[in-house]
Amino acid sequence: MRLIAVALMLLSMLLAGATARAAEPSPEAAMLMKLFGTGPVTADLFTAGFLGKAPIGEISDVFTKVRSAVGPAISVEKADSGYVVHTQTFTVPVDLSLADGKVDSLVLKQPVQNLATLPDVLKALDGLSGDVGYLVTKNDAVLYAHAEKQPLAVFSGFKLAVLATLADEIKAGTLKWDQVVPLDAHDISLTPGVLQDFPAGSPVTIHTLAALMTAQSDNTATDQIIDIVGRDKVAKKLGTGFVLKTTEFYKLKGDPARQLRYIDADDAGRQQMTTELANAPLPAPADVMAPLTDKLEWYLSPTDLCRLIGEVAGLDVMSINPGVARRDDWEHVGFKSGSEVGVASLTSALADHDGNRYCVTVTVNDHKALDENRITSVYTALVAQLANPAPAPAATSP
């Protein structure tokens, strides 16, 4: 009996030691607990190479804002790709690598609000301020919807129609993905994008233009594609008689007098203004930051956005930027967003591992700045719930 007791005691000690070792956090998890904790974010936590790209003052400011928004970390878990930081009210996906125990690379992704069930998410959507429209479909059947037929300003969301028009031309054989075109100086626009910094005349393929327009919302690429496929065809795809290019939008946004003339004009009058606008200079970015102006935008309903993203979901350029969806959760992800002051629009085409197809789109409009972090967080929670729905509560006996 004594031998048995000793053996049990030794076994208990071994198990306790193994449990203690298992409970020890990885160096990466320990680092994330520091970064998302309450202590100071100091230079000794980062490699010299990382600090060469981002000064410690900027890093500290970022974490001050993030901590204020999501609260302190309570745990960290290893995910299929990267790590997930859990706070009381949010989960924050993070990509992190260490070198000699210090942060060598770090990417903070969109925080996801802890909304336990789909009804919680829908309640949060309905609680957003401003004009809100959303639509969630599964295999083209409506799951959830609000104001799904109401046209709302979507800003870069209209680029789905530009891409769909281009896809039609490719299918018809009038254009080819590998066709090379010179970058047109008249299409140089403001950011977002990279092509605005390229020399006029630079050779680019149509596929490159489409990829940049979709993944980076490149405005210069967008305007060039509109010129290539024809403005009238893009307008038809949008269901309107006239469509603005991004250069024209910015020139009108920065010129109140011209803006009023455009708003009061019919489609023919707006078409006539394009020659005048072509010769006008681009404004400075600071001059186009006024909130949403009615009738000076691109308007699509949630139903329109689901239709358009459905037309292009299979194109390879649509999968470059997955948006807020975790690639591990889905077999295929396509995404397009659009935002200006007073406008936020997010649309995803998703396919799960069982072959089911989803469209998830949310648009919010207001005539003042929106809480885009809040909108994106709720949208991210919606996509996450569709991928991994919370189990239904257990039935209780009466």
Protein backbone atom coordinates (compact mmCIF):
# COMPACT_ATOMS: atom_id res chain seq x y z
CA MET A 1 0.00 0.00 0.00
CA ARG A 2 2.88 2.34 0.82
CA LEU A 3 4.38 1.76 -2.65
CA ILE A 4 1.05 2.54 -4.24
CA ALA A 5 0.72 5.74 -2.21
CA VAL A 6 4.22 6.86 -3.17
CA ALA A 7 3.53 6.09 -6.83
CA LEU A 8 0.31 8.08 -6.73
CA MET A 9 2.11 10.99 -5.08
CA LEU A 10 4.84 10.96 -7.74
CA LEU A 11 2.23 10.76 -10.49
CA SER A 12 0.38 13.69 -8.95
CA MET A 13 3.58 15.72 -8.86
CA LEU A 14 4.38 14.91 -12.49
CA LEU A 15 0.88 15.85 -13.60
CA ALA A 16 1.05 19.10 -11.64
CA GLY A 17 4.36 19.94 -13.27
CA ALA A 18 3.02 19.16 -16.73
CA THR A 19 -0.05 21.31 -16.09
CA ALA A 20 2.12 24.18 -14.92
CA ARG A 21 4.32 23.92 -18.00
CA ALA A 22 1.27 23.74 -20.29
CA ALA A 23 -0.15 26.86 -18.64
CA GLU A 24 2.97 28.90 -19.35
CA PRO A 25 2.21 31.34 -22.18
CA SER A 26 4.29 31.30 -25.32
CA PRO A 27 6.74 34.21 -25.76
CA GLU A 28 4.40 35.66 -28.41
CA ALA A 29 1.35 35.45 -26.14
CA ALA A 30 3.30 36.99 -23.27
CA MET A 31 4.40 39.85 -25.52
CA LEU A 32 0.83 40.50 -26.68
CA MET A 33 -0.36 40.57 -23.07
CA LYS A 34 2.23 43.31 -22.46
CA LEU A 35 1.31 45.28 -25.57
CA PHE A 36 -2.42 45.10 -24.81
CA GLY A 37 -1.95 45.49 -21.06
CA THR A 38 -1.84 48.60 -18.92
CA GLY A 39 1.91 49.17 -18.70
CA PRO A 40 3.93 51.50 -20.94
CA VAL A 41 4.86 50.43 -24.49
CA THR A 42 8.61 50.99 -24.57
CA ALA A 43 11.34 50.73 -27.18
CA ASP A 44 12.99 47.71 -25.51
CA LEU A 45 10.04 45.56 -26.64
CA PHE A 46 10.90 46.02 -30.34
CA THR A 47 13.83 45.16 -32.61
CA ALA A 48 15.93 47.90 -34.12
CA GLY A 49 14.60 46.96 -37.55
CA PHE A 50 10.99 47.44 -36.44
CA LEU A 51 11.79 50.78 -34.79
CA GLY A 52 13.47 51.86 -38.01
CA LYS A 53 10.11 51.60 -39.74
CA ALA A 54 7.94 53.04 -36.95
CA PRO A 55 9.25 55.36 -34.19
CA ILE A 56 8.37 54.33 -30.66
CA GLY A 57 6.27 57.47 -30.19
CA GLU A 58 3.97 56.44 -33.04
CA ILE A 59 3.81 52.85 -31.81
CA SER A 60 2.90 54.01 -28.32
CA ASP A 61 0.18 56.32 -29.69
CA VAL A 62 -1.32 53.44 -31.67
CA PHE A 63 -1.53 51.19 -28.63
CA THR A 64 -2.94 54.00 -26.50
CA LYS A 65 -5.79 54.37 -28.99
CA VAL A 66 -6.30 50.62 -29.40
CA ARG A 67 -6.34 50.01 -25.65
CA SER A 68 -8.82 52.83 -25.18
CA ALA A 69 -11.10 51.31 -27.81
CA VAL A 70 -10.97 47.62 -26.85
CA GLY A 71 -9.84 47.55 -23.23
CA PRO A 72 -6.97 45.55 -21.69
CA ALA A 73 -6.16 41.98 -22.72
CA ILE A 74 -7.46 39.17 -20.55
CA SER A 75 -6.09 36.29 -22.67
CA VAL A 76 -4.30 35.44 -25.90
CA GLU A 77 -4.82 32.35 -28.04
CA LYS A 78 -3.00 30.93 -31.04
CA ALA A 79 -5.22 30.93 -34.13
CA ASP A 80 -4.86 29.05 -37.42
CA SER A 81 -2.96 32.09 -38.66
CA GLY A 82 -1.51 34.48 -36.11
CA TYR A 83 -2.97 35.17 -32.68
CA VAL A 84 -6.20 36.46 -31.18
CA VAL A 85 -6.17 38.88 -28.25
CA HIS A 86 -9.27 38.71 -26.06
CA THR A 87 -10.48 41.65 -24.01
CA GLN A 88 -13.70 41.92 -22.06
CA THR A 89 -15.59 43.33 -25.03
CA PHE A 90 -13.48 42.63 -28.15
CA THR A 91 -11.31 40.08 -29.90
CA VAL A 92 -8.39 41.44 -31.90
CA PRO A 93 -6.67 39.29 -34.57
CA VAL A 94 -2.93 39.94 -34.66
CA ASP A 95 0.00 38.76 -36.76
CA LEU A 96 3.19 38.78 -34.70
CA SER A 97 6.74 37.47 -34.97
CA LEU A 98 9.60 37.84 -32.52
CA ALA A 99 13.37 37.96 -32.94
CA ASP A 100 15.47 37.45 -29.81
CA GLY A 101 12.36 37.96 -27.74
CA LYS A 102 11.49 41.31 -29.30
CA VAL A 103 8.74 42.33 -31.75
CA ASP A 104 10.11 42.10 -35.28
CA SER A 105 6.82 42.28 -37.21
CA LEU A 106 3.33 43.19 -36.06
CA VAL A 107 0.00 43.66 -37.83
CA LEU A 108 -3.12 44.62 -35.87
CA LYS A 109 -6.33 43.64 -37.65
CA GLN A 110 -9.89 44.90 -37.26
CA PRO A 111 -11.16 44.36 -33.69
CA VAL A 112 -14.35 42.33 -33.47
CA GLN A 113 -16.92 43.25 -30.87
CA ASN A 114 -17.98 40.36 -28.66
CA LEU A 115 -21.54 39.91 -29.85
CA ALA A 116 -22.54 36.44 -28.73
CA THR A 117 -25.25 35.59 -31.26
CA LEU A 118 -26.62 36.68 -34.61
CA PRO A 119 -29.59 38.39 -32.91
CA ASP A 120 -27.04 40.42 -30.90
CA VAL A 121 -25.31 41.43 -34.13
CA LEU A 122 -28.57 42.38 -35.84
CA LYS A 123 -29.58 44.43 -32.81
CA ALA A 124 -26.24 46.25 -33.00
CA LEU A 125 -26.76 46.88 -36.73
CA ASP A 126 -30.21 48.30 -36.11
CA GLY A 127 -28.72 50.51 -33.40
CA LEU A 128 -26.23 52.23 -35.70
CA SER A 129 -26.84 55.94 -36.19
CA GLY A 130 -27.62 57.35 -39.63
CA ASP A 131 -29.43 55.76 -42.56
CA VAL A 132 -28.67 52.04 -42.47
CA GLY A 133 -29.29 49.39 -45.09
CA TYR A 134 -28.14 45.80 -44.96
CA LEU A 135 -28.72 42.46 -46.63
CA VAL A 136 -27.53 38.94 -45.86
CA THR A 137 -28.31 36.16 -48.32
CA LYS A 138 -27.49 32.45 -48.43
CA ASN A 139 -27.62 30.83 -51.85
CA ASP A 140 -29.57 33.92 -53.02
CA ALA A 141 -32.25 33.46 -50.33
CA VAL A 142 -32.66 36.40 -47.94
CA LEU A 143 -31.64 35.65 -44.35
CA TYR A 144 -31.65 39.15 -42.87
CA ALA A 145 -32.49 42.50 -44.42
CA HIS A 146 -33.28 46.11 -43.63
CA ALA A 147 -33.96 48.82 -46.24
CA GLU A 148 -32.43 46.43 -48.76
CA LYS A 149 -34.05 48.21 -51.73
CA GLN A 150 -33.06 51.71 -50.62
CA PRO A 151 -30.30 53.35 -52.71
CA LEU A 152 -27.56 54.74 -50.49
CA ALA A 153 -24.24 56.42 -51.19
CA VAL A 154 -21.53 53.74 -51.41
CA PHE A 155 -18.48 55.67 -52.69
CA SER A 156 -15.95 53.04 -53.86
CA GLY A 157 -18.62 50.35 -53.72
CA PHE A 158 -19.59 51.49 -57.22
CA LYS A 159 -16.32 49.98 -58.47
CA LEU A 160 -18.07 46.61 -58.39
CA ALA A 161 -20.11 47.88 -61.37
CA VAL A 162 -16.93 49.01 -63.12
CA LEU A 163 -15.40 45.56 -62.61
CA ALA A 164 -18.60 43.81 -63.72
CA THR A 165 -18.65 45.89 -66.91
CA LEU A 166 -15.01 45.04 -67.57
CA ALA A 167 -15.75 41.34 -67.03
CA ASP A 168 -18.53 41.58 -69.64
CA GLU A 169 -16.07 43.04 -72.15
CA ILE A 170 -13.50 40.34 -71.40
CA LYS A 171 -16.13 37.65 -71.86
CA ALA A 172 -17.26 39.22 -75.16
CA GLY A 173 -13.66 39.15 -76.40
CA THR A 174 -13.37 42.91 -76.94
CA LEU A 175 -10.71 43.18 -74.22
CA LYS A 176 -8.12 40.84 -72.71
CA TRP A 177 -6.78 40.63 -69.17
CA ASP A 178 -3.17 40.71 -70.38
CA GLN A 179 -3.76 43.64 -72.72
CA VAL A 180 -1.25 46.46 -72.04
CA VAL A 181 -2.40 50.07 -72.02
CA PRO A 182 -0.50 53.32 -71.27
CA LEU A 183 -1.49 55.12 -68.08
CA ASP A 184 -3.62 58.09 -69.18
CA ALA A 185 -2.62 61.41 -67.61
CA HIS A 186 -6.26 62.55 -67.66
CA ASP A 187 -7.15 59.70 -65.29
CA ILE A 188 -4.63 60.55 -62.57
CA SER A 189 -6.79 60.90 -59.45
CA LEU A 190 -6.41 61.31 -55.70
CA THR A 191 -5.74 58.50 -53.27
CA PRO A 192 -6.50 55.77 -52.36
CA GLY A 193 -4.21 53.88 -54.68
CA VAL A 194 -0.67 53.85 -56.02
CA LEU A 195 -1.03 54.63 -59.72
CA GLN A 196 -1.43 58.34 -59.08
CA ASP A 197 2.33 58.35 -58.38
CA PHE A 198 3.26 56.54 -61.62
CA PRO A 199 4.49 58.53 -64.62
CA ALA A 200 1.86 59.17 -67.29
CA GLY A 201 2.28 56.70 -70.11
CA SER A 202 3.48 53.85 -67.86
CA PRO A 203 2.48 50.51 -69.38
CA VAL A 204 0.00 48.55 -67.26
CA THR A 205 -2.13 45.52 -68.02
CA ILE A 206 -5.90 45.61 -67.72
CA HIS A 207 -5.59 42.87 -65.10
CA THR A 208 -3.30 45.10 -63.04
CA LEU A 209 -5.77 47.97 -63.28
CA ALA A 210 -8.59 45.68 -62.12
CA ALA A 211 -6.51 44.24 -59.29
CA LEU A 212 -5.52 47.67 -57.97
CA MET A 213 -9.06 49.02 -58.31
CA THR A 214 -10.46 46.07 -56.36
CA ALA A 215 -7.82 45.33 -53.74
CA GLN A 216 -6.59 48.88 -53.04
CA SER A 217 -9.57 50.88 -54.34
CA ASP A 218 -7.14 52.67 -56.66
CA ASN A 219 -9.03 55.66 -58.09
CA THR A 220 -6.69 56.21 -61.03
CA ALA A 221 -7.12 52.57 -62.09
CA THR A 222 -10.89 52.99 -61.77
CA ASP A 223 -11.09 56.03 -64.04
CA GLN A 224 -8.89 54.41 -66.63
CA ILE A 225 -11.09 51.30 -66.73
CA ILE A 226 -14.19 53.51 -67.09
CA ASP A 227 -12.56 55.14 -70.12
CA ILE A 228 -11.56 51.76 -71.56
CA VAL A 229 -14.97 50.08 -71.26
CA GLY A 230 -17.09 53.20 -71.84
CA ARG A 231 -18.86 55.42 -69.35
CA ASP A 232 -22.28 54.59 -70.82
CA LYS A 233 -21.80 50.87 -70.18
CA VAL A 234 -20.83 51.43 -66.57
CA ALA A 235 -23.87 53.70 -66.11
CA LYS A 236 -26.10 50.99 -67.55
CA LYS A 237 -24.62 48.44 -65.15
CA LEU A 238 -25.35 50.86 -62.29
CA GLY A 239 -28.87 51.46 -63.57
CA THR A 240 -28.33 55.20 -64.05
CA GLY A 241 -28.13 57.55 -67.01
CA PHE A 242 -24.76 59.00 -66.05
CA VAL A 243 -21.80 57.98 -63.90
CA LEU A 244 -19.07 60.16 -62.45
CA LYS A 245 -15.39 59.31 -62.61
CA THR A 246 -13.48 59.76 -59.35
CA THR A 247 -11.50 62.71 -60.73
CA GLU A 248 -14.78 64.46 -61.52
CA PHE A 249 -16.18 63.68 -58.09
CA TYR A 250 -13.18 65.28 -56.37
CA LYS A 251 -13.22 68.32 -58.64
CA LEU A 252 -16.90 68.88 -57.85
CA LYS A 253 -16.39 68.20 -54.15
CA GLY A 254 -13.74 70.90 -54.01
CA ASP A 255 -15.73 73.50 -55.99
CA PRO A 256 -19.09 74.41 -54.34
CA ALA A 257 -20.28 76.50 -57.30
CA ARG A 258 -19.72 73.73 -59.86
CA GLN A 259 -21.13 71.27 -57.36
CA LEU A 260 -24.47 73.08 -57.22
CA ARG A 261 -24.68 73.21 -61.03
CA TYR A 262 -24.01 69.46 -61.21
CA ILE A 263 -26.62 68.62 -58.59
CA ASP A 264 -29.27 70.70 -60.39
CA ALA A 265 -28.43 69.31 -63.85
CA ASP A 266 -30.09 66.36 -65.57
CA ASP A 267 -28.06 63.50 -67.06
CA ALA A 268 -27.48 65.39 -70.32
CA GLY A 269 -26.31 68.47 -68.43
CA ARG A 270 -23.98 66.41 -66.30
CA GLN A 271 -22.53 64.78 -69.40
CA GLN A 272 -21.86 68.26 -70.84
CA MET A 273 -19.97 69.22 -67.70
CA THR A 274 -17.41 66.44 -68.21
CA THR A 275 -15.44 68.50 -70.77
CA GLU A 276 -15.30 71.43 -68.37
CA LEU A 277 -14.25 69.15 -65.51
CA ALA A 278 -11.56 67.47 -67.62
CA ASN A 279 -9.72 70.80 -67.87
CA ALA A 280 -10.10 71.70 -64.18
CA PRO A 281 -7.23 70.95 -61.78
CA LEU A 282 -7.54 68.35 -59.06
CA PRO A 283 -8.12 69.92 -55.64
CA ALA A 284 -5.91 69.28 -52.63
CA PRO A 285 -7.03 66.30 -50.51
CA ALA A 286 -7.81 68.65 -47.61
CA ASP A 287 -10.38 70.43 -49.81
CA VAL A 288 -12.55 67.35 -50.38
CA MET A 289 -13.21 66.34 -46.77
CA ALA A 290 -16.72 67.80 -46.48
CA PRO A 291 -19.35 65.27 -45.36
CA LEU A 292 -21.70 63.48 -47.77
CA THR A 293 -23.37 65.80 -50.25
CA ASP A 294 -26.72 64.53 -51.53
CA LYS A 295 -26.76 63.64 -55.25
CA LEU A 296 -22.97 63.96 -55.48
CA GLU A 297 -22.08 60.30 -55.01
CA TRP A 298 -22.66 56.81 -56.39
CA TYR A 299 -25.91 55.29 -55.13
CA LEU A 300 -26.66 51.58 -54.83
CA SER A 301 -29.04 49.60 -52.66
CA PRO A 302 -27.92 46.55 -50.65
CA THR A 303 -29.76 44.44 -53.24
CA ASP A 304 -27.76 46.11 -56.02
CA LEU A 305 -24.49 45.49 -54.20
CA CYS A 306 -25.26 41.79 -53.75
CA ARG A 307 -26.18 41.51 -57.42
CA LEU A 308 -22.98 43.19 -58.55
CA ILE A 309 -20.61 41.31 -56.27
CA GLY A 310 -22.33 38.12 -57.36
CA GLU A 311 -21.36 38.90 -60.96
CA VAL A 312 -17.66 39.26 -60.15
CA ALA A 313 -17.17 37.02 -57.10
CA GLY A 314 -15.38 34.37 -59.16
CA LEU A 315 -12.73 36.73 -60.58
CA ASP A 316 -9.25 36.22 -59.14
CA VAL A 317 -8.84 39.94 -58.42
CA MET A 318 -11.73 39.74 -55.96
CA SER A 319 -9.84 37.39 -53.63
CA ILE A 320 -6.74 39.58 -53.18
CA ASN A 321 -8.19 41.59 -50.31
CA PRO A 322 -10.47 39.49 -48.04
CA GLY A 323 -11.57 42.51 -46.04
CA VAL A 324 -12.59 41.57 -42.50
CA ALA A 325 -13.25 37.88 -43.15
CA ARG A 326 -10.77 35.28 -41.88
CA ARG A 327 -9.59 33.23 -44.85
CA ASP A 328 -9.45 30.11 -42.66
CA ASP A 329 -13.21 30.35 -42.06
CA TRP A 330 -14.18 30.32 -45.74
CA GLU A 331 -13.45 28.45 -48.94
CA HIS A 332 -13.61 31.70 -50.92
CA VAL A 333 -13.78 35.38 -49.97
CA GLY A 334 -14.44 38.45 -52.12
CA PHE A 335 -14.69 41.95 -50.67
CA LYS A 336 -15.27 45.59 -51.62
CA SER A 337 -15.71 48.57 -49.38
CA GLY A 338 -16.26 52.28 -49.85
CA SER A 339 -16.04 55.25 -47.52
CA GLU A 340 -15.90 59.01 -47.39
CA VAL A 341 -16.95 61.36 -44.61
CA GLY A 342 -20.54 60.31 -43.89
CA VAL A 343 -20.41 57.12 -45.97
CA ALA A 344 -19.41 53.57 -45.02
CA SER A 345 -20.20 50.58 -47.20
CA LEU A 346 -18.91 47.00 -46.85
CA THR A 347 -19.81 44.07 -49.10
CA SER A 348 -18.53 40.49 -49.03
CA ALA A 349 -19.15 37.48 -51.27
CA LEU A 350 -18.38 34.37 -49.24
CA ALA A 351 -18.43 30.61 -49.92
CA ASP A 352 -18.22 28.18 -47.04
CA HIS A 353 -16.55 24.78 -47.08
CA ASP A 354 -19.89 23.08 -47.85
CA GLY A 355 -20.40 25.11 -51.03
CA ASN A 356 -22.97 27.56 -49.65
CA ARG A 357 -22.72 31.10 -51.05
CA TYR A 358 -23.32 34.19 -48.93
CA CYS A 359 -23.60 37.88 -49.65
CA VAL A 360 -23.16 40.21 -46.68
CA THR A 361 -23.51 43.95 -47.24
CA VAL A 362 -23.98 46.90 -44.89
CA THR A 363 -24.15 50.59 -45.85
CA VAL A 364 -24.50 53.57 -43.52
CA ASN A 365 -25.00 57.21 -44.58
CA ASP A 366 -25.08 60.42 -42.56
CA HIS A 367 -24.33 64.08 -43.14
CA LYS A 368 -21.62 64.02 -40.49
CA ALA A 369 -18.66 61.81 -39.69
CA LEU A 370 -19.54 58.21 -38.90
CA ASP A 371 -18.08 55.93 -36.25
CA GLU A 372 -16.46 53.72 -38.90
CA ASN A 373 -14.67 51.57 -36.32
CA ARG A 374 -18.01 50.72 -34.74
CA ILE A 375 -19.62 49.96 -38.11
CA THR A 376 -16.72 47.78 -39.22
CA SER A 377 -16.61 45.99 -35.89
CA VAL A 378 -20.30 45.06 -36.08
CA TYR A 379 -19.91 44.00 -39.72
CA THR A 380 -16.92 41.85 -38.78
CA ALA A 381 -18.95 40.21 -36.00
CA LEU A 382 -21.71 39.48 -38.51
CA VAL A 383 -19.31 37.76 -40.92
CA ALA A 384 -17.72 35.83 -38.04
CA GLN A 385 -21.12 34.66 -36.77
CA LEU A 386 -22.07 33.36 -40.20
CA ALA A 387 -18.83 31.37 -40.32
CA ASN A 388 -19.09 30.05 -36.76
CA PRO A 389 -22.63 30.55 -35.45
CA ALA A 390 -23.07 30.48 -31.71
CA PRO A 391 -24.93 27.36 -30.53
CA ALA A 392 -28.59 27.83 -29.80
CA PRO A 393 -29.38 28.08 -26.08
CA ALA A 394 -30.42 24.79 -24.52
CA ALA A 395 -34.13 24.29 -24.08
CA THR A 396 -35.38 24.52 -20.51
CA SER A 397 -38.19 22.56 -18.97
CA PRO A 398 -41.25 24.51 -17.95
